[in-house]
PDB file of N, CA and C in Angstrom:
ATOM      1  N   MET A   1      84.508   6.617  40.221  1.00  0.00           N
ATOM      2  CA  MET A   1      84.088   5.334  40.782  1.00  0.00           C
ATOM      3  C   MET A   1      82.713   5.525  41.407  1.00  0.00           C
ATOM      4  N   ASP A   2      81.922   4.496  41.334  1.00  0.00           N
ATOM      5  CA  ASP A   2      80.577   4.510  41.877  1.00  0.00           C
ATOM      6  C   ASP A   2      80.562   3.780  43.220  1.00  0.00           C
ATOM      7  N   ILE A   3      79.780   4.276  44.158  1.00  0.00           N
ATOM      8  CA  ILE A   3      79.698   3.652  45.480  1.00  0.00           C
ATOM      9  C   ILE A   3      79.278   2.188  45.379  1.00  0.00           C
ATOM     10  N   ASP A   4      78.433   1.868  44.418  1.00  0.00           N
ATOM     11  CA  ASP A   4      77.957   0.485  44.271  1.00  0.00           C
ATOM     12  C   ASP A   4      79.092  -0.494  43.998  1.00  0.00           C
ATOM     13  N   GLU A   5      80.180  -0.013  43.424  1.00  0.00           N
ATOM     14  CA  GLU A   5      81.312  -0.898  43.140  1.00  0.00           C
ATOM     15  C   GLU A   5      81.933  -1.443  44.422  1.00  0.00           C
ATOM     16  N   LEU A   6      81.790  -0.712  45.523  1.00  0.00           N
ATOM     17  CA  LEU A   6      82.344  -1.179  46.794  1.00  0.00           C
ATOM     18  C   LEU A   6      81.654  -2.449  47.280  1.00  0.00           C
ATOM     19  N   SER A   7      80.417  -2.665  46.847  1.00  0.00           N
ATOM     20  CA  SER A   7      79.696  -3.860  47.281  1.00  0.00           C
ATOM     21  C   SER A   7      80.286  -5.144  46.681  1.00  0.00           C
ATOM     22  N   SER A   8      81.120  -5.006  45.668  1.00  0.00           N
ATOM     23  CA  SER A   8      81.757  -6.195  45.080  1.00  0.00           C
ATOM     24  C   SER A   8      83.016  -6.609  45.855  1.00  0.00           C
ATOM     25  N   TRP A   9      83.464  -5.761  46.773  1.00  0.00           N
ATOM     26  CA  TRP A   9      84.633  -6.111  47.582  1.00  0.00           C
ATOM     27  C   TRP A   9      84.261  -7.227  48.555  1.00  0.00           C
ATOM     28  N   VAL A  10      85.209  -8.113  48.825  1.00  0.00           N
ATOM     29  CA  VAL A  10      84.974  -9.270  49.674  1.00  0.00           C
ATOM     30  C   VAL A  10      85.937  -9.227  50.861  1.00  0.00           C
ATOM     31  N   ILE A  11      85.393  -9.528  52.024  1.00  0.00           N
ATOM     32  CA  ILE A  11      86.227  -9.589  53.226  1.00  0.00           C
ATOM     33  C   ILE A  11      87.197 -10.758  53.072  1.00  0.00           C
ATOM     34  N   PRO A  12      88.489 -10.497  53.211  1.00  0.00           N
ATOM     35  CA  PRO A  12      89.453 -11.602  53.091  1.00  0.00           C
ATOM     36  C   PRO A  12      89.345 -12.531  54.303  1.00  0.00           C
ATOM     37  N   SER A  13      89.787 -13.739  54.126  1.00  0.00           N
ATOM     38  CA  SER A  13      89.853 -14.657  55.268  1.00  0.00           C
ATOM     39  C   SER A  13      91.317 -15.000  55.494  1.00  0.00           C
ATOM     40  N   TRP A  14      91.692 -14.996  56.746  1.00  0.00           N
ATOM     41  CA  TRP A  14      93.044 -15.390  57.092  1.00  0.00           C
ATOM     42  C   TRP A  14      93.056 -16.002  58.478  1.00  0.00           C
ATOM     43  N   HIS A  15      94.182 -16.533  58.849  1.00  0.00           N
ATOM     44  CA  HIS A  15      94.330 -17.220  60.130  1.00  0.00           C
ATOM     45  C   HIS A  15      93.977 -16.260  61.278  1.00  0.00           C
ATOM     46  N   PRO A  16      93.269 -16.762  62.312  1.00  0.00           N
ATOM     47  CA  PRO A  16      92.871 -15.905  63.434  1.00  0.00           C
ATOM     48  C   PRO A  16      94.037 -15.207  64.143  1.00  0.00           C
ATOM     49  N   ASP A  17      95.236 -15.746  64.029  1.00  0.00           N
ATOM     50  CA  ASP A  17      96.399 -15.088  64.641  1.00  0.00           C
ATOM     51  C   ASP A  17      96.628 -13.690  64.070  1.00  0.00           C
ATOM     52  N   PHE A  18      96.116 -13.451  62.856  1.00  0.00           N
ATOM     53  CA  PHE A  18      96.284 -12.147  62.225  1.00  0.00           C
ATOM     54  C   PHE A  18      95.169 -11.180  62.602  1.00  0.00           C
ATOM     55  N   GLY A  19      94.247 -11.598  63.443  1.00  0.00           N
ATOM     56  CA  GLY A  19      93.155 -10.726  63.859  1.00  0.00           C
ATOM     57  C   GLY A  19      91.908 -10.944  63.018  1.00  0.00           C
ATOM     58  N   ASP A  20      90.909 -10.135  63.296  1.00  0.00           N
ATOM     59  CA  ASP A  20      89.618 -10.231  62.613  1.00  0.00           C
ATOM     60  C   ASP A  20      89.612  -9.275  61.426  1.00  0.00           C
ATOM     61  N   PRO A  21      89.603  -9.797  60.197  1.00  0.00           N
ATOM     62  CA  PRO A  21      89.648  -8.910  59.035  1.00  0.00           C
ATOM     63  C   PRO A  21      88.387  -8.073  58.861  1.00  0.00           C
ATOM     64  N   LYS A  22      87.280  -8.474  59.491  1.00  0.00           N
ATOM     65  CA  LYS A  22      86.029  -7.725  59.350  1.00  0.00           C
ATOM     66  C   LYS A  22      86.156  -6.299  59.882  1.00  0.00           C
ATOM     67  N   ILE A  23      86.882  -6.127  60.957  1.00  0.00           N
ATOM     68  CA  ILE A  23      87.032  -4.799  61.559  1.00  0.00           C
ATOM     69  C   ILE A  23      87.751  -3.863  60.597  1.00  0.00           C
ATOM     70  N   GLU A  24      88.907  -4.280  60.106  1.00  0.00           N
ATOM     71  CA  GLU A  24      89.671  -3.441  59.177  1.00  0.00           C
ATOM     72  C   GLU A  24      88.909  -3.232  57.874  1.00  0.00           C
ATOM     73  N   PHE A  25      88.311  -4.294  57.365  1.00  0.00           N
ATOM     74  CA  PHE A  25      87.557  -4.204  56.120  1.00  0.00           C
ATOM     75  C   PHE A  25      86.433  -3.176  56.255  1.00  0.00           C
ATOM     76  N   THR A  26      85.688  -3.261  57.342  1.00  0.00           N
ATOM     77  CA  THR A  26      84.576  -2.334  57.563  1.00  0.00           C
ATOM     78  C   THR A  26      85.072  -0.897  57.652  1.00  0.00           C
ATOM     79  N   MET A  27      86.163  -0.679  58.362  1.00  0.00           N
ATOM     80  CA  MET A  27      86.725   0.672  58.462  1.00  0.00           C
ATOM     81  C   MET A  27      87.121   1.188  57.078  1.00  0.00           C
ATOM     82  N   LEU A  28      87.785   0.365  56.288  1.00  0.00           N
ATOM     83  CA  LEU A  28      88.219   0.783  54.956  1.00  0.00           C
ATOM     84  C   LEU A  28      87.023   1.092  54.054  1.00  0.00           C
ATOM     85  N   VAL A  29      86.024   0.224  54.062  1.00  0.00           N
ATOM     86  CA  VAL A  29      84.853   0.433  53.217  1.00  0.00           C
ATOM     87  C   VAL A  29      84.102   1.702  53.638  1.00  0.00           C
ATOM     88  N   ASN A  30      83.961   1.922  54.936  1.00  0.00           N
ATOM     89  CA  ASN A  30      83.270   3.127  55.401  1.00  0.00           C
ATOM     90  C   ASN A  30      83.987   4.392  54.951  1.00  0.00           C
ATOM     91  N   PHE A  31      85.311   4.378  55.038  1.00  0.00           N
ATOM     92  CA  PHE A  31      86.063   5.542  54.569  1.00  0.00           C
ATOM     93  C   PHE A  31      85.873   5.729  53.065  1.00  0.00           C
ATOM     94  N   CYS A  32      85.961   4.648  52.324  1.00  0.00           N
ATOM     95  CA  CYS A  32      85.839   4.723  50.865  1.00  0.00           C
ATOM     96  C   CYS A  32      84.461   5.216  50.433  1.00  0.00           C
ATOM     97  N   ARG A  33      83.425   4.814  51.141  1.00  0.00           N
ATOM     98  CA  ARG A  33      82.073   5.313  50.825  1.00  0.00           C
ATOM     99  C   ARG A  33      82.020   6.835  50.953  1.00  0.00           C
ATOM    100  N   GLU A  34      82.574   7.342  52.033  1.00  0.00           N
ATOM    101  CA  GLU A  34      82.571   8.793  52.237  1.00  0.00           C
ATOM    102  C   GLU A  34      83.448   9.500  51.205  1.00  0.00           C
ATOM    103  N   LEU A  35      84.586   8.918  50.906  1.00  0.00           N
ATOM    104  CA  LEU A  35      85.475   9.516  49.917  1.00  0.00           C
ATOM    105  C   LEU A  35      84.776   9.626  48.568  1.00  0.00           C
ATOM    106  N   ILE A  36      84.153   8.538  48.123  1.00  0.00           N
ATOM    107  CA  ILE A  36      83.483   8.537  46.822  1.00  0.00           C
ATOM    108  C   ILE A  36      82.255   9.441  46.839  1.00  0.00           C
ATOM    109  N   SER A  37      81.584   9.534  47.971  1.00  0.00           N
ATOM    110  CA  SER A  37      80.433  10.439  48.062  1.00  0.00           C
ATOM    111  C   SER A  37      80.846  11.892  47.852  1.00  0.00           C
ATOM    112  N   ASN A  38      82.057  12.215  48.266  1.00  0.00           N
ATOM    113  CA  ASN A  38      82.553  13.591  48.171  1.00  0.00           C
ATOM    114  C   ASN A  38      83.435  13.838  46.952  1.00  0.00           C
ATOM    115  N   HIS A  39      84.073  12.800  46.445  1.00  0.00           N
ATOM    116  CA  HIS A  39      85.038  12.945  45.347  1.00  0.00           C
ATOM    117  C   HIS A  39      84.911  11.748  44.408  1.00  0.00           C
ATOM    118  N   ARG A  40      84.008  11.801  43.477  1.00  0.00           N
ATOM    119  CA  ARG A  40      83.761  10.665  42.576  1.00  0.00           C
ATOM    120  C   ARG A  40      84.892  10.424  41.580  1.00  0.00           C
ATOM    121  N   ASP A  41      85.846  11.337  41.497  1.00  0.00           N
ATOM    122  CA  ASP A  41      86.900  11.191  40.500  1.00  0.00           C
ATOM    123  C   ASP A  41      88.026  10.240  40.924  1.00  0.00           C
ATOM    124  N   TYR A  42      88.019   9.779  42.149  1.00  0.00           N
ATOM    125  CA  TYR A  42      89.036   8.819  42.586  1.00  0.00           C
ATOM    126  C   TYR A  42      88.607   7.399  42.245  1.00  0.00           C
ATOM    127  N   LYS A  43      89.588   6.556  41.939  1.00  0.00           N
ATOM    128  CA  LYS A  43      89.361   5.131  41.709  1.00  0.00           C
ATOM    129  C   LYS A  43      90.010   4.386  42.863  1.00  0.00           C
ATOM    130  N   LEU A  44      89.327   3.369  43.360  1.00  0.00           N
ATOM    131  CA  LEU A  44      89.795   2.653  44.534  1.00  0.00           C
ATOM    132  C   LEU A  44      89.903   1.163  44.244  1.00  0.00           C
ATOM    133  N   LYS A  45      90.924   0.544  44.818  1.00  0.00           N
ATOM    134  CA  LYS A  45      91.113  -0.897  44.636  1.00  0.00           C
ATOM    135  C   LYS A  45      91.519  -1.508  45.973  1.00  0.00           C
ATOM    136  N   LEU A  46      90.712  -2.458  46.445  1.00  0.00           N
ATOM    137  CA  LEU A  46      91.067  -3.195  47.651  1.00  0.00           C
ATOM    138  C   LEU A  46      92.154  -4.197  47.296  1.00  0.00           C
ATOM    139  N   ASP A  47      93.218  -4.200  48.068  1.00  0.00           N
ATOM    140  CA  ASP A  47      94.336  -5.103  47.817  1.00  0.00           C
ATOM    141  C   ASP A  47      94.620  -5.904  49.079  1.00  0.00           C
ATOM    142  N   THR A  48      94.475  -7.213  49.003  1.00  0.00           N
ATOM    143  CA  THR A  48      94.847  -8.103  50.107  1.00  0.00           C
ATOM    144  C   THR A  48      96.142  -8.785  49.688  1.00  0.00           C
ATOM    145  N   PHE A  49      97.202  -8.019  49.787  1.00  0.00           N
ATOM    146  CA  PHE A  49      98.486  -8.408  49.196  1.00  0.00           C
ATOM    147  C   PHE A  49      99.221  -9.504  49.939  1.00  0.00           C
ATOM    148  N   GLU A  50      98.812  -9.793  51.172  1.00  0.00           N
ATOM    149  CA  GLU A  50      99.473 -10.830  51.960  1.00  0.00           C
ATOM    150  C   GLU A  50      98.527 -11.203  53.093  1.00  0.00           C
ATOM    151  N   GLU A  51      98.561 -12.451  53.530  1.00  0.00           N
ATOM    152  CA  GLU A  51      97.679 -12.858  54.620  1.00  0.00           C
ATOM    153  C   GLU A  51      97.900 -11.968  55.840  1.00  0.00           C
ATOM    154  N   GLY A  52      96.813 -11.405  56.338  1.00  0.00           N
ATOM    155  CA  GLY A  52      96.890 -10.525  57.493  1.00  0.00           C
ATOM    156  C   GLY A  52      96.996  -9.061  57.139  1.00  0.00           C
ATOM    157  N   TYR A  53      97.090  -8.737  55.849  1.00  0.00           N
ATOM    158  CA  TYR A  53      97.261  -7.349  55.431  1.00  0.00           C
ATOM    159  C   TYR A  53      96.304  -7.002  54.292  1.00  0.00           C
ATOM    160  N   MET A  54      95.751  -5.809  54.377  1.00  0.00           N
ATOM    161  CA  MET A  54      94.967  -5.290  53.267  1.00  0.00           C
ATOM    162  C   MET A  54      95.109  -3.776  53.251  1.00  0.00           C
ATOM    163  N   ASN A  55      94.934  -3.220  52.074  1.00  0.00           N
ATOM    164  CA  ASN A  55      94.924  -1.773  51.936  1.00  0.00           C
ATOM    165  C   ASN A  55      94.022  -1.401  50.775  1.00  0.00           C
ATOM    166  N   VAL A  56      93.789  -0.115  50.650  1.00  0.00           N
ATOM    167  CA  VAL A  56      93.063   0.396  49.494  1.00  0.00           C
ATOM    168  C   VAL A  56      94.027   1.267  48.713  1.00  0.00           C
ATOM    169  N   GLU A  57      94.234   0.909  47.468  1.00  0.00           N
ATOM    170  CA  GLU A  57      95.048   1.725  46.575  1.00  0.00           C
ATOM    171  C   GLU A  57      94.134   2.802  45.995  1.00  0.00           C
ATOM    172  N   ILE A  58      94.613   4.027  46.005  1.00  0.00           N
ATOM    173  CA  ILE A  58      93.802   5.173  45.576  1.00  0.00           C
ATOM    174  C   ILE A  58      94.464   5.810  44.358  1.00  0.00           C
ATOM    175  N   TYR A  59      93.674   5.935  43.293  1.00  0.00           N
ATOM    176  CA  TYR A  59      94.164   6.497  42.037  1.00  0.00           C
ATOM    177  C   TYR A  59      93.359   7.738  41.672  1.00  0.00           C
ATOM    178  N   ARG A  60      94.045   8.710  41.077  1.00  0.00           N
ATOM    179  CA  ARG A  60      93.360   9.886  40.532  1.00  0.00           C
ATOM    180  C   ARG A  60      92.648   9.486  39.245  1.00  0.00           C
ATOM    181  N   SER A  61      91.847  10.381  38.712  1.00  0.00           N
ATOM    182  CA  SER A  61      91.072  10.081  37.503  1.00  0.00           C
ATOM    183  C   SER A  61      91.968   9.774  36.301  1.00  0.00           C
ATOM    184  N   ASN A  62      93.204  10.254  36.309  1.00  0.00           N
ATOM    185  CA  ASN A  62      94.120   9.985  35.200  1.00  0.00           C
ATOM    186  C   ASN A  62      94.928   8.698  35.430  1.00  0.00           C
ATOM    187  N   ASP A  63      94.479   7.870  36.380  1.00  0.00           N
ATOM    188  CA  ASP A  63      95.115   6.596  36.739  1.00  0.00           C
ATOM    189  C   ASP A  63      96.477   6.748  37.403  1.00  0.00           C
ATOM    190  N   GLU A  64      96.808   7.962  37.820  1.00  0.00           N
ATOM    191  CA  GLU A  64      98.034   8.187  38.584  1.00  0.00           C
ATOM    192  C   GLU A  64      97.766   7.798  40.038  1.00  0.00           C
ATOM    193  N   LYS A  65      98.653   7.020  40.625  1.00  0.00           N
ATOM    194  CA  LYS A  65      98.463   6.585  42.007  1.00  0.00           C
ATOM    195  C   LYS A  65      98.620   7.765  42.950  1.00  0.00           C
ATOM    196  N   PHE A  66      97.586   7.997  43.754  1.00  0.00           N
ATOM    197  CA  PHE A  66      97.610   9.061  44.758  1.00  0.00           C
ATOM    198  C   PHE A  66      98.183   8.545  46.068  1.00  0.00           C
ATOM    199  N   GLY A  67      97.741   7.346  46.494  1.00  0.00           N
ATOM    200  CA  GLY A  67      98.207   6.846  47.771  1.00  0.00           C
ATOM    201  C   GLY A  67      97.623   5.512  48.141  1.00  0.00           C
ATOM    202  N   GLU A  68      97.830   5.156  49.406  1.00  0.00           N
ATOM    203  CA  GLU A  68      97.325   3.902  49.957  1.00  0.00           C
ATOM    204  C   GLU A  68      96.747   4.175  51.332  1.00  0.00           C
ATOM    205  N   LEU A  69      95.600   3.569  51.592  1.00  0.00           N
ATOM    206  CA  LEU A  69      94.930   3.689  52.881  1.00  0.00           C
ATOM    207  C   LEU A  69      95.024   2.338  53.591  1.00  0.00           C
ATOM    208  N   VAL A  70      95.460   2.358  54.838  1.00  0.00           N
ATOM    209  CA  VAL A  70      95.599   1.133  55.630  1.00  0.00           C
ATOM    210  C   VAL A  70      94.981   1.371  57.003  1.00  0.00           C
ATOM    211  N   ILE A  71      94.827   0.305  57.741  1.00  0.00           N
ATOM    212  CA  ILE A  71      94.421   0.385  59.140  1.00  0.00           C
ATOM    213  C   ILE A  71      95.609  -0.081  59.965  1.00  0.00           C
ATOM    214  N   VAL A  72      95.967   0.717  60.961  1.00  0.00           N
ATOM    215  CA  VAL A  72      97.103   0.369  61.823  1.00  0.00           C
ATOM    216  C   VAL A  72      96.647   0.362  63.280  1.00  0.00           C
ATOM    217  N   GLU A  73      97.336  -0.425  64.058  1.00  0.00           N
ATOM    218  CA  GLU A  73      97.046  -0.530  65.490  1.00  0.00           C
ATOM    219  C   GLU A  73      98.027   0.351  66.249  1.00  0.00           C
ATOM    220  N   LEU A  74      97.495   1.356  66.931  1.00  0.00           N
ATOM    221  CA  LEU A  74      98.308   2.210  67.793  1.00  0.00           C
ATOM    222  C   LEU A  74      97.889   1.966  69.242  1.00  0.00           C
ATOM    223  N   ASP A  75      98.528   2.636  70.171  1.00  0.00           N
ATOM    224  CA  ASP A  75      98.191   2.465  71.586  1.00  0.00           C
ATOM    225  C   ASP A  75      96.722   2.760  71.867  1.00  0.00           C
ATOM    226  N   ASP A  76      96.145   3.706  71.123  1.00  0.00           N
ATOM    227  CA  ASP A  76      94.754   4.108  71.336  1.00  0.00           C
ATOM    228  C   ASP A  76      93.754   3.247  70.570  1.00  0.00           C
ATOM    229  N   GLY A  77      94.224   2.259  69.841  1.00  0.00           N
ATOM    230  CA  GLY A  77      93.346   1.407  69.058  1.00  0.00           C
ATOM    231  C   GLY A  77      93.647   1.525  67.575  1.00  0.00           C
ATOM    232  N   LYS A  78      92.721   1.045  66.760  1.00  0.00           N
ATOM    233  CA  LYS A  78      92.904   1.054  65.311  1.00  0.00           C
ATOM    234  C   LYS A  78      92.607   2.437  64.751  1.00  0.00           C
ATOM    235  N   VAL A  79      93.483   2.887  63.863  1.00  0.00           N
ATOM    236  CA  VAL A  79      93.323   4.175  63.194  1.00  0.00           C
ATOM    237  C   VAL A  79      93.641   3.993  61.709  1.00  0.00           C
ATOM    238  N   TYR A  80      93.286   5.009  60.934  1.00  0.00           N
ATOM    239  CA  TYR A  80      93.600   5.020  59.509  1.00  0.00           C
ATOM    240  C   TYR A  80      95.021   5.528  59.311  1.00  0.00           C
ATOM    241  N   GLY A  81      95.703   4.945  58.360  1.00  0.00           N
ATOM    242  CA  GLY A  81      96.998   5.443  57.927  1.00  0.00           C
ATOM    243  C   GLY A  81      96.901   5.743  56.442  1.00  0.00           C
ATOM    244  N   LEU A  82      97.317   6.920  56.047  1.00  0.00           N
ATOM    245  CA  LEU A  82      97.284   7.313  54.643  1.00  0.00           C
ATOM    246  C   LEU A  82      98.692   7.659  54.198  1.00  0.00           C
ATOM    247  N   PHE A  83      99.139   6.972  53.173  1.00  0.00           N
ATOM    248  CA  PHE A  83     100.425   7.249  52.546  1.00  0.00           C
ATOM    249  C   PHE A  83     100.091   7.847  51.191  1.00  0.00           C
ATOM    250  N   TYR A  84     100.508   9.078  50.931  1.00  0.00           N
ATOM    251  CA  TYR A  84     100.089   9.741  49.698  1.00  0.00           C
ATOM    252  C   TYR A  84     101.207  10.572  49.093  1.00  0.00           C
ATOM    253  N   ASP A  85     100.905  11.142  47.912  1.00  0.00           N
ATOM    254  CA  ASP A  85     101.919  11.817  47.085  1.00  0.00           C
ATOM    255  C   ASP A  85     103.041  10.837  46.769  1.00  0.00           C
ATOM    256  N   MET A  86     102.651   9.713  46.219  1.00  0.00           N
ATOM    257  CA  MET A  86     103.573   8.604  45.991  1.00  0.00           C
ATOM    258  C   MET A  86     104.720   8.965  45.041  1.00  0.00           C
ATOM    259  N   ASP A  87     104.457   9.845  44.067  1.00  0.00           N
ATOM    260  CA  ASP A  87     105.498  10.190  43.096  1.00  0.00           C
ATOM    261  C   ASP A  87     106.422  11.289  43.590  1.00  0.00           C
ATOM    262  N   ASP A  88     105.945  12.061  44.538  1.00  0.00           N
ATOM    263  CA  ASP A  88     106.753  13.156  45.066  1.00  0.00           C
ATOM    264  C   ASP A  88     107.445  12.682  46.343  1.00  0.00           C
ATOM    265  N   ASP A  89     107.467  13.535  47.317  1.00  0.00           N
ATOM    266  CA  ASP A  89     108.028  13.198  48.618  1.00  0.00           C
ATOM    267  C   ASP A  89     106.899  12.568  49.437  1.00  0.00           C
ATOM    268  N   GLU A  90     106.854  11.232  49.464  1.00  0.00           N
ATOM    269  CA  GLU A  90     105.726  10.525  50.096  1.00  0.00           C
ATOM    270  C   GLU A  90     105.450  11.041  51.504  1.00  0.00           C
ATOM    271  N   LYS A  91     104.176  11.256  51.768  1.00  0.00           N
ATOM    272  CA  LYS A  91     103.741  11.731  53.077  1.00  0.00           C
ATOM    273  C   LYS A  91     102.995  10.610  53.783  1.00  0.00           C
ATOM    274  N   GLU A  92     103.012  10.651  55.100  1.00  0.00           N
ATOM    275  CA  GLU A  92     102.375   9.631  55.921  1.00  0.00           C
ATOM    276  C   GLU A  92     101.614  10.338  57.035  1.00  0.00           C
ATOM    277  N   VAL A  93     100.298  10.072  57.130  1.00  0.00           N
ATOM    278  CA  VAL A  93      99.478  10.677  58.177  1.00  0.00           C
ATOM    279  C   VAL A  93      98.592   9.604  58.803  1.00  0.00           C
ATOM    280  N   TYR A  94      98.210   9.838  60.045  1.00  0.00           N
ATOM    281  CA  TYR A  94      97.323   8.936  60.766  1.00  0.00           C
ATOM    282  C   TYR A  94      96.168   9.745  61.330  1.00  0.00           C
ATOM    283  N   PHE A  95      94.975   9.160  61.316  1.00  0.00           N
ATOM    284  CA  PHE A  95      93.793   9.850  61.826  1.00  0.00           C
ATOM    285  C   PHE A  95      92.775   8.815  62.274  1.00  0.00           C
ATOM    286  N   SER A  96      91.924   9.222  63.194  1.00  0.00           N
ATOM    287  CA  SER A  96      90.955   8.273  63.744  1.00  0.00           C
ATOM    288  C   SER A  96      89.552   8.464  63.187  1.00  0.00           C
ATOM    289  N   SER A  97      89.282   9.594  62.574  1.00  0.00           N
ATOM    290  CA  SER A  97      87.938   9.808  62.035  1.00  0.00           C
ATOM    291  C   SER A  97      87.990   9.996  60.518  1.00  0.00           C
ATOM    292  N   ILE A  98      86.920   9.588  59.884  1.00  0.00           N
ATOM    293  CA  ILE A  98      86.820   9.735  58.434  1.00  0.00           C
ATOM    294  C   ILE A  98      86.879  11.201  58.057  1.00  0.00           C
ATOM    295  N   LYS A  99      86.196  12.032  58.815  1.00  0.00           N
ATOM    296  CA  LYS A  99      86.180  13.479  58.545  1.00  0.00           C
ATOM    297  C   LYS A  99      87.603  14.049  58.533  1.00  0.00           C
ATOM    298  N   ASP A 100      88.413  13.636  59.489  1.00  0.00           N
ATOM    299  CA  ASP A 100      89.796  14.122  59.540  1.00  0.00           C
ATOM    300  C   ASP A 100      90.593  13.664  58.317  1.00  0.00           C
ATOM    301  N   GLY A 101      90.305  12.474  57.840  1.00  0.00           N
ATOM    302  CA  GLY A 101      91.037  11.944  56.689  1.00  0.00           C
ATOM    303  C   GLY A 101      90.633  12.559  55.367  1.00  0.00           C
ATOM    304  N   LEU A 102      89.380  12.947  55.231  1.00  0.00           N
ATOM    305  CA  LEU A 102      88.901  13.489  53.961  1.00  0.00           C
ATOM    306  C   LEU A 102      89.580  14.800  53.588  1.00  0.00           C
ATOM    307  N   LYS A 103      90.110  15.512  54.556  1.00  0.00           N
ATOM    308  CA  LYS A 103      90.750  16.802  54.244  1.00  0.00           C
ATOM    309  C   LYS A 103      91.996  16.642  53.366  1.00  0.00           C
ATOM    310  N   TYR A 104      92.568  15.439  53.316  1.00  0.00           N
ATOM    311  CA  TYR A 104      93.739  15.206  52.478  1.00  0.00           C
ATOM    312  C   TYR A 104      93.378  15.021  51.008  1.00  0.00           C
ATOM    313  N   PHE A 105      92.090  15.025  50.718  1.00  0.00           N
ATOM    314  CA  PHE A 105      91.613  14.814  49.352  1.00  0.00           C
ATOM    315  C   PHE A 105      91.020  16.093  48.747  1.00  0.00           C
ATOM    316  N   GLN A 106      91.267  17.222  49.348  1.00  0.00           N
ATOM    317  CA  GLN A 106      90.723  18.503  48.855  1.00  0.00           C
ATOM    318  C   GLN A 106      91.466  18.968  47.629  1.00  0.00           C
TER     319      GLN A 106
END
C-alpha cells in the first residue's frame, strides 16, 4: 500500500453524542502512515461499520487478515487497540504511542 492512498480516506460524520470523529480518525491515519512507511507490504482499509465506530482492517500482502486497529477510551484517555492473529488465537493489546504499536508488525 502507498501512503498516498490514505489521503482518499474521509472522516466519517456522526451524531455529536458519539464524540468527535476527527480525533480518532487522525490517530488512526497517523498510525497507518507510520506503519506503511516501515512496512509497505500491509494493506489497510478504513471501516466505519456503524455510527460512532471506525477501525482499520489490516491485511498481509497475501490478503490474509492480520488484525484490526481501533481507538478506545481508557481512564488515561484515548489509546490504540490492536486485535491481531485473527485466524489463530486472537490477541488483544493496547498502547498509547505509535512506536509501541509498531513492534507488533515485526
